[in-house]
């Protein structure tokens, strides 16, 4: 796997939770984009997309409590 992705998810676990403010989401069909999903009841929502050294989040790290702080720290330390 990509080193940037390993570093961005450092100290995350399978129970990490992130905060979404709205019901809209990206429907990315590009097979070259790394997409990390979260489940919201019946819908798989893209939480983070990565391609060509660009990171896009659908969640709000600043509102995601401890997980958000970990993400922001990892991002700053890339």
PDB file of N, CA and C in Angstrom:
ATOM      1  N   UNK A   1       0.836  -1.204   0.000  1.00  0.00           N
ATOM      2  CA  UNK A   1       0.000   0.000   0.000  1.00  0.00           C
ATOM      3  C   UNK A   1       0.866   1.247   0.000  1.00  0.00           C
ATOM      4  N   UNK A   2       0.236   2.303  -0.368  1.00  0.00           N
ATOM      5  CA  UNK A   2       0.879   3.595  -0.466  1.00  0.00           C
ATOM      6  C   UNK A   2       1.326   4.097   0.918  1.00  0.00           C
ATOM      7  N   UNK A   3       2.546   4.633   0.996  1.00  0.00           N
ATOM      8  CA  UNK A   3       3.091   5.125   2.262  1.00  0.00           C
ATOM      9  C   UNK A   3       2.252   6.266   2.835  1.00  0.00           C
ATOM     10  N   UNK A   4       1.761   7.150   1.987  1.00  0.00           N
ATOM     11  CA  UNK A   4       0.932   8.264   2.471  1.00  0.00           C
ATOM     12  C   UNK A   4      -0.321   7.729   3.152  1.00  0.00           C
ATOM     13  N   UNK A   5      -0.957   6.737   2.562  1.00  0.00           N
ATOM     14  CA  UNK A   5      -2.171   6.171   3.161  1.00  0.00           C
ATOM     15  C   UNK A   5      -1.857   5.475   4.476  1.00  0.00           C
ATOM     16  N   UNK A   6      -0.756   4.789   4.544  1.00  0.00           N
ATOM     17  CA  UNK A   6      -0.368   4.152   5.810  1.00  0.00           C
ATOM     18  C   UNK A   6      -0.174   5.202   6.894  1.00  0.00           C
ATOM     19  N   UNK A   7       0.435   6.307   6.523  1.00  0.00           N
ATOM     20  CA  UNK A   7       0.710   7.358   7.514  1.00  0.00           C
ATOM     21  C   UNK A   7      -0.559   8.107   7.914  1.00  0.00           C
ATOM     22  N   UNK A   8      -1.471   8.326   6.985  1.00  0.00           N
ATOM     23  CA  UNK A   8      -2.694   9.073   7.295  1.00  0.00           C
ATOM     24  C   UNK A   8      -3.605   8.281   8.238  1.00  0.00           C
ATOM     25  N   UNK A   9      -3.551   6.939   8.148  1.00  0.00           N
ATOM     26  CA  UNK A   9      -4.395   6.095   8.994  1.00  0.00           C
ATOM     27  C   UNK A   9      -3.657   5.536  10.215  1.00  0.00           C
ATOM     28  N   UNK A  10      -2.480   6.035  10.490  1.00  0.00           N
ATOM     29  CA  UNK A  10      -1.711   5.587  11.659  1.00  0.00           C
ATOM     30  C   UNK A  10      -2.535   5.826  12.926  1.00  0.00           C
ATOM     31  N   UNK A  11      -2.587   4.836  13.782  1.00  0.00           N
ATOM     32  CA  UNK A  11      -3.301   4.863  15.069  1.00  0.00           C
ATOM     33  C   UNK A  11      -4.827   4.846  14.933  1.00  0.00           C
ATOM     34  N   UNK A  12      -5.345   4.571  13.743  1.00  0.00           N
ATOM     35  CA  UNK A  12      -6.791   4.355  13.579  1.00  0.00           C
ATOM     36  C   UNK A  12      -7.076   2.898  13.916  1.00  0.00           C
ATOM     37  N   UNK A  13      -8.299   2.599  14.311  1.00  0.00           N
ATOM     38  CA  UNK A  13      -8.710   1.208  14.483  1.00  0.00           C
ATOM     39  C   UNK A  13     -10.048   1.003  13.774  1.00  0.00           C
ATOM     40  N   UNK A  14     -10.524  -0.216  13.747  1.00  0.00           N
ATOM     41  CA  UNK A  14     -11.762  -0.527  13.030  1.00  0.00           C
ATOM     42  C   UNK A  14     -12.990   0.135  13.634  1.00  0.00           C
ATOM     43  N   UNK A  15     -12.889   0.603  14.860  1.00  0.00           N
ATOM     44  CA  UNK A  15     -14.026   1.257  15.516  1.00  0.00           C
ATOM     45  C   UNK A  15     -13.930   2.779  15.483  1.00  0.00           C
ATOM     46  N   UNK A  16     -12.957   3.311  14.744  1.00  0.00           N
ATOM     47  CA  UNK A  16     -12.819   4.764  14.650  1.00  0.00           C
ATOM     48  C   UNK A  16     -14.067   5.357  14.017  1.00  0.00           C
ATOM     49  N   UNK A  17     -14.556   6.447  14.598  1.00  0.00           N
ATOM     50  CA  UNK A  17     -15.773   7.094  14.098  1.00  0.00           C
ATOM     51  C   UNK A  17     -15.447   8.501  13.642  1.00  0.00           C
ATOM     52  N   UNK A  18     -16.108   8.908  12.561  1.00  0.00           N
ATOM     53  CA  UNK A  18     -15.940  10.260  12.036  1.00  0.00           C
ATOM     54  C   UNK A  18     -17.302  10.913  11.889  1.00  0.00           C
ATOM     55  N   UNK A  19     -17.306  12.246  11.818  1.00  0.00           N
ATOM     56  CA  UNK A  19     -18.546  13.014  11.806  1.00  0.00           C
ATOM     57  C   UNK A  19     -18.869  13.524  10.401  1.00  0.00           C
ATOM     58  N   UNK A  20     -20.103  13.273   9.976  1.00  0.00           N
ATOM     59  CA  UNK A  20     -20.617  13.787   8.703  1.00  0.00           C
ATOM     60  C   UNK A  20     -21.725  14.781   9.024  1.00  0.00           C
ATOM     61  N   UNK A  21     -21.735  15.892   8.314  1.00  0.00           N
ATOM     62  CA  UNK A  21     -22.704  16.946   8.596  1.00  0.00           C
ATOM     63  C   UNK A  21     -23.912  16.894   7.661  1.00  0.00           C
ATOM     64  N   UNK A  22     -23.789  16.263   6.538  1.00  0.00           N
ATOM     65  CA  UNK A  22     -24.856  16.302   5.535  1.00  0.00           C
ATOM     66  C   UNK A  22     -25.119  14.918   4.963  1.00  0.00           C
ATOM     67  N   UNK A  23     -26.097  14.823   4.086  1.00  0.00           N
ATOM     68  CA  UNK A  23     -26.484  13.534   3.507  1.00  0.00           C
ATOM     69  C   UNK A  23     -25.960  13.342   2.089  1.00  0.00           C
ATOM     70  N   UNK A  24     -25.198  14.288   1.566  1.00  0.00           N
ATOM     71  CA  UNK A  24     -24.660  14.186   0.214  1.00  0.00           C
ATOM     72  C   UNK A  24     -23.331  13.443   0.250  1.00  0.00           C
ATOM     73  N   UNK A  25     -23.032  12.750  -0.840  1.00  0.00           N
ATOM     74  CA  UNK A  25     -21.746  12.068  -0.909  1.00  0.00           C
ATOM     75  C   UNK A  25     -21.293  11.899  -2.350  1.00  0.00           C
ATOM     76  N   UNK A  26     -20.001  11.717  -2.527  1.00  0.00           N
ATOM     77  CA  UNK A  26     -19.390  11.541  -3.844  1.00  0.00           C
ATOM     78  C   UNK A  26     -19.646  10.118  -4.311  1.00  0.00           C
ATOM     79  N   UNK A  27     -20.005   9.983  -5.578  1.00  0.00           N
ATOM     80  CA  UNK A  27     -20.173   8.670  -6.190  1.00  0.00           C
ATOM     81  C   UNK A  27     -19.040   8.507  -7.206  1.00  0.00           C
ATOM     82  N   UNK A  28     -17.856   8.204  -6.713  1.00  0.00           N
ATOM     83  CA  UNK A  28     -16.650   8.118  -7.536  1.00  0.00           C
ATOM     84  C   UNK A  28     -16.556   6.739  -8.188  1.00  0.00           C
ATOM     85  N   UNK A  29     -16.426   6.735  -9.496  1.00  0.00           N
ATOM     86  CA  UNK A  29     -16.321   5.470 -10.227  1.00  0.00           C
ATOM     87  C   UNK A  29     -14.943   5.270 -10.848  1.00  0.00           C
ATOM     88  N   UNK A  30     -14.022   6.135 -10.520  1.00  0.00           N
ATOM     89  CA  UNK A  30     -12.656   6.044 -11.034  1.00  0.00           C
ATOM     90  C   UNK A  30     -11.935   4.903 -10.319  1.00  0.00           C
ATOM     91  N   UNK A  31     -11.557   3.889 -11.049  1.00  0.00           N
ATOM     92  CA  UNK A  31     -10.933   2.703 -10.463  1.00  0.00           C
ATOM     93  C   UNK A  31      -9.511   2.959  -9.971  1.00  0.00           C
ATOM     94  N   UNK A  32      -8.919   4.087 -10.350  1.00  0.00           N
ATOM     95  CA  UNK A  32      -7.565   4.410  -9.907  1.00  0.00           C
ATOM     96  C   UNK A  32      -7.553   5.223  -8.617  1.00  0.00           C
ATOM     97  N   UNK A  33      -8.726   5.574  -8.126  1.00  0.00           N
ATOM     98  CA  UNK A  33      -8.839   6.327  -6.884  1.00  0.00           C
ATOM     99  C   UNK A  33      -9.003   5.358  -5.720  1.00  0.00           C
ATOM    100  N   UNK A  34      -8.214   5.539  -4.672  1.00  0.00           N
ATOM    101  CA  UNK A  34      -8.380   4.752  -3.443  1.00  0.00           C
ATOM    102  C   UNK A  34      -9.538   5.363  -2.668  1.00  0.00           C
ATOM    103  N   UNK A  35     -10.537   4.562  -2.374  1.00  0.00           N
ATOM    104  CA  UNK A  35     -11.717   5.043  -1.665  1.00  0.00           C
ATOM    105  C   UNK A  35     -11.873   4.248  -0.372  1.00  0.00           C
ATOM    106  N   UNK A  36     -12.043   4.973   0.726  1.00  0.00           N
ATOM    107  CA  UNK A  36     -12.261   4.357   2.031  1.00  0.00           C
ATOM    108  C   UNK A  36     -13.669   4.713   2.473  1.00  0.00           C
ATOM    109  N   UNK A  37     -14.463   3.695   2.704  1.00  0.00           N
ATOM    110  CA  UNK A  37     -15.880   3.874   2.981  1.00  0.00           C
ATOM    111  C   UNK A  37     -16.196   3.775   4.458  1.00  0.00           C
ATOM    112  N   UNK A  38     -17.323   4.355   4.807  1.00  0.00           N
ATOM    113  CA  UNK A  38     -17.938   4.144   6.112  1.00  0.00           C
ATOM    114  C   UNK A  38     -19.368   3.709   5.848  1.00  0.00           C
ATOM    115  N   UNK A  39     -19.938   2.987   6.761  1.00  0.00           N
ATOM    116  CA  UNK A  39     -21.325   2.550   6.600  1.00  0.00           C
ATOM    117  C   UNK A  39     -22.251   3.440   7.411  1.00  0.00           C
ATOM    118  N   UNK A  40     -23.317   3.884   6.780  1.00  0.00           N
ATOM    119  CA  UNK A  40     -24.351   4.652   7.464  1.00  0.00           C
ATOM    120  C   UNK A  40     -25.656   3.901   7.259  1.00  0.00           C
ATOM    121  N   UNK A  41     -25.888   2.925   8.101  1.00  0.00           N
ATOM    122  CA  UNK A  41     -27.053   2.048   8.016  1.00  0.00           C
ATOM    123  C   UNK A  41     -27.038   1.274   6.705  1.00  0.00           C
ATOM    124  N   UNK A  42     -27.704   1.744   5.653  1.00  0.00           N
ATOM    125  CA  UNK A  42     -27.814   0.977   4.415  1.00  0.00           C
ATOM    126  C   UNK A  42     -26.897   1.483   3.309  1.00  0.00           C
ATOM    127  N   UNK A  43     -26.221   2.607   3.519  1.00  0.00           N
ATOM    128  CA  UNK A  43     -25.445   3.237   2.455  1.00  0.00           C
ATOM    129  C   UNK A  43     -23.956   3.206   2.793  1.00  0.00           C
ATOM    130  N   UNK A  44     -23.134   2.789   1.811  1.00  0.00           N
ATOM    131  CA  UNK A  44     -21.688   2.902   1.950  1.00  0.00           C
ATOM    132  C   UNK A  44     -21.311   4.307   1.481  1.00  0.00           C
ATOM    133  N   UNK A  45     -20.765   5.106   2.385  1.00  0.00           N
ATOM    134  CA  UNK A  45     -20.420   6.486   2.066  1.00  0.00           C
ATOM    135  C   UNK A  45     -18.895   6.624   1.978  1.00  0.00           C
ATOM    136  N   UNK A  46     -18.397   7.205   0.883  1.00  0.00           N
ATOM    137  CA  UNK A  46     -16.958   7.451   0.810  1.00  0.00           C
ATOM    138  C   UNK A  46     -16.550   8.463   1.879  1.00  0.00           C
ATOM    139  N   UNK A  47     -15.692   8.064   2.785  1.00  0.00           N
ATOM    140  CA  UNK A  47     -15.241   8.962   3.850  1.00  0.00           C
ATOM    141  C   UNK A  47     -13.957   9.676   3.445  1.00  0.00           C
ATOM    142  N   UNK A  48     -13.113   8.985   2.678  1.00  0.00           N
ATOM    143  CA  UNK A  48     -11.841   9.557   2.252  1.00  0.00           C
ATOM    144  C   UNK A  48     -11.485   9.005   0.886  1.00  0.00           C
ATOM    145  N   UNK A  49     -11.037   9.875   0.009  1.00  0.00           N
ATOM    146  CA  UNK A  49     -10.579   9.492  -1.327  1.00  0.00           C
ATOM    147  C   UNK A  49      -9.146   9.956  -1.490  1.00  0.00           C
ATOM    148  N   UNK A  50      -8.336   9.143  -2.190  1.00  0.00           N
ATOM    149  CA  UNK A  50      -6.933   9.477  -2.396  1.00  0.00           C
ATOM    150  C   UNK A  50      -6.529   9.127  -3.817  1.00  0.00           C
ATOM    151  N   UNK A  51      -5.901  10.100  -4.493  1.00  0.00           N
ATOM    152  CA  UNK A  51      -5.365   9.867  -5.835  1.00  0.00           C
ATOM    153  C   UNK A  51      -4.321  10.941  -6.124  1.00  0.00           C
ATOM    154  N   UNK A  52      -3.208  10.517  -6.708  1.00  0.00           N
ATOM    155  CA  UNK A  52      -2.151  11.450  -7.126  1.00  0.00           C
ATOM    156  C   UNK A  52      -1.717  12.403  -6.013  1.00  0.00           C
ATOM    157  N   UNK A  53      -1.493  11.857  -4.820  1.00  0.00           N
ATOM    158  CA  UNK A  53      -1.048  12.626  -3.658  1.00  0.00           C
ATOM    159  C   UNK A  53      -2.056  13.677  -3.202  1.00  0.00           C
ATOM    160  N   UNK A  54      -3.313  13.478  -3.553  1.00  0.00           N
ATOM    161  CA  UNK A  54      -4.387  14.368  -3.098  1.00  0.00           C
ATOM    162  C   UNK A  54      -5.332  13.581  -2.193  1.00  0.00           C
ATOM    163  N   UNK A  55      -5.667  14.169  -1.047  1.00  0.00           N
ATOM    164  CA  UNK A  55      -6.568  13.546  -0.090  1.00  0.00           C
ATOM    165  C   UNK A  55      -7.832  14.388  -0.004  1.00  0.00           C
ATOM    166  N   UNK A  56      -8.969  13.732  -0.153  1.00  0.00           N
ATOM    167  CA  UNK A  56     -10.261  14.405  -0.057  1.00  0.00           C
ATOM    168  C   UNK A  56     -11.047  13.706   1.045  1.00  0.00           C
ATOM    169  N   UNK A  57     -11.579  14.478   1.974  1.00  0.00           N
ATOM    170  CA  UNK A  57     -12.418  13.886   3.009  1.00  0.00           C
ATOM    171  C   UNK A  57     -13.851  14.354   2.843  1.00  0.00           C
ATOM    172  N   UNK A  58     -14.782  13.463   3.076  1.00  0.00           N
ATOM    173  CA  UNK A  58     -16.198  13.808   3.109  1.00  0.00           C
ATOM    174  C   UNK A  58     -16.634  14.075   4.542  1.00  0.00           C
ATOM    175  N   UNK A  59     -15.828  13.624   5.487  1.00  0.00           N
ATOM    176  CA  UNK A  59     -16.152  13.825   6.894  1.00  0.00           C
ATOM    177  C   UNK A  59     -15.481  15.105   7.391  1.00  0.00           C
ATOM    178  N   UNK A  60     -15.860  15.539   8.568  1.00  0.00           N
ATOM    179  CA  UNK A  60     -15.307  16.742   9.185  1.00  0.00           C
ATOM    180  C   UNK A  60     -14.329  16.335  10.287  1.00  0.00           C
ATOM    181  N   UNK A  61     -13.020  16.389  10.004  1.00  0.00           N
ATOM    182  CA  UNK A  61     -12.052  16.017  11.041  1.00  0.00           C
ATOM    183  C   UNK A  61     -12.177  16.887  12.288  1.00  0.00           C
ATOM    184  N   UNK A  62     -12.464  18.166  12.098  1.00  0.00           N
ATOM    185  CA  UNK A  62     -12.522  19.086  13.233  1.00  0.00           C
ATOM    186  C   UNK A  62     -13.687  18.796  14.169  1.00  0.00           C
ATOM    187  N   UNK A  63     -14.677  18.024  13.692  1.00  0.00           N
ATOM    188  CA  UNK A  63     -15.831  17.654  14.518  1.00  0.00           C
ATOM    189  C   UNK A  63     -15.831  16.174  14.907  1.00  0.00           C
ATOM    190  N   UNK A  64     -14.762  15.471  14.558  1.00  0.00           N
ATOM    191  CA  UNK A  64     -14.710  14.019  14.749  1.00  0.00           C
ATOM    192  C   UNK A  64     -13.971  13.590  16.007  1.00  0.00           C
ATOM    193  N   UNK A  65     -13.891  14.473  16.965  1.00  0.00           N
ATOM    194  CA  UNK A  65     -13.318  14.190  18.281  1.00  0.00           C
ATOM    195  C   UNK A  65     -11.929  13.568  18.195  1.00  0.00           C
ATOM    196  N   UNK A  66     -11.683  12.504  18.946  1.00  0.00           N
ATOM    197  CA  UNK A  66     -10.348  11.901  19.009  1.00  0.00           C
ATOM    198  C   UNK A  66      -9.879  11.409  17.639  1.00  0.00           C
ATOM    199  N   UNK A  67     -10.763  10.785  16.887  1.00  0.00           N
ATOM    200  CA  UNK A  67     -10.388  10.294  15.557  1.00  0.00           C
ATOM    201  C   UNK A  67      -9.979  11.457  14.664  1.00  0.00           C
ATOM    202  N   UNK A  68     -10.706  12.553  14.736  1.00  0.00           N
ATOM    203  CA  UNK A  68     -10.372  13.733  13.947  1.00  0.00           C
ATOM    204  C   UNK A  68      -9.027  14.321  14.320  1.00  0.00           C
ATOM    205  N   UNK A  69      -8.733  14.340  15.624  1.00  0.00           N
ATOM    206  CA  UNK A  69      -7.434  14.838  16.071  1.00  0.00           C
ATOM    207  C   UNK A  69      -6.298  13.949  15.574  1.00  0.00           C
ATOM    208  N   UNK A  70      -6.506  12.642  15.617  1.00  0.00           N
ATOM    209  CA  UNK A  70      -5.499  11.707  15.103  1.00  0.00           C
ATOM    210  C   UNK A  70      -5.295  11.949  13.613  1.00  0.00           C
ATOM    211  N   UNK A  71      -6.397  12.069  12.865  1.00  0.00           N
ATOM    212  CA  UNK A  71      -6.304  12.308  11.427  1.00  0.00           C
ATOM    213  C   UNK A  71      -5.531  13.601  11.142  1.00  0.00           C
ATOM    214  N   UNK A  72      -5.884  14.688  11.821  1.00  0.00           N
ATOM    215  CA  UNK A  72      -5.227  15.977  11.582  1.00  0.00           C
ATOM    216  C   UNK A  72      -3.742  15.925  11.943  1.00  0.00           C
ATOM    217  N   UNK A  73      -3.427  15.267  13.045  1.00  0.00           N
ATOM    218  CA  UNK A  73      -2.006  15.118  13.423  1.00  0.00           C
ATOM    219  C   UNK A  73      -1.254  14.322  12.365  1.00  0.00           C
ATOM    220  N   UNK A  74      -1.852  13.228  11.907  1.00  0.00           N
ATOM    221  CA  UNK A  74      -1.219  12.416  10.865  1.00  0.00           C
ATOM    222  C   UNK A  74      -1.047  13.227   9.586  1.00  0.00           C
ATOM    223  N   UNK A  75      -2.039  14.020   9.231  1.00  0.00           N
ATOM    224  CA  UNK A  75      -1.996  14.824   8.009  1.00  0.00           C
ATOM    225  C   UNK A  75      -0.868  15.855   8.086  1.00  0.00           C
ATOM    226  N   UNK A  76      -0.763  16.533   9.220  1.00  0.00           N
ATOM    227  CA  UNK A  76       0.281  17.540   9.400  1.00  0.00           C
ATOM    228  C   UNK A  76       1.668  16.908   9.333  1.00  0.00           C
ATOM    229  N   UNK A  77       1.774  15.671   9.778  1.00  0.00           N
ATOM    230  CA  UNK A  77       3.074  14.992   9.821  1.00  0.00           C
ATOM    231  C   UNK A  77       3.390  14.176   8.563  1.00  0.00           C
ATOM    232  N   UNK A  78       2.630  14.346   7.513  1.00  0.00           N
ATOM    233  CA  UNK A  78       2.922  13.605   6.271  1.00  0.00           C
ATOM    234  C   UNK A  78       4.281  13.978   5.714  1.00  0.00           C
TER     235      UNK A  78
END
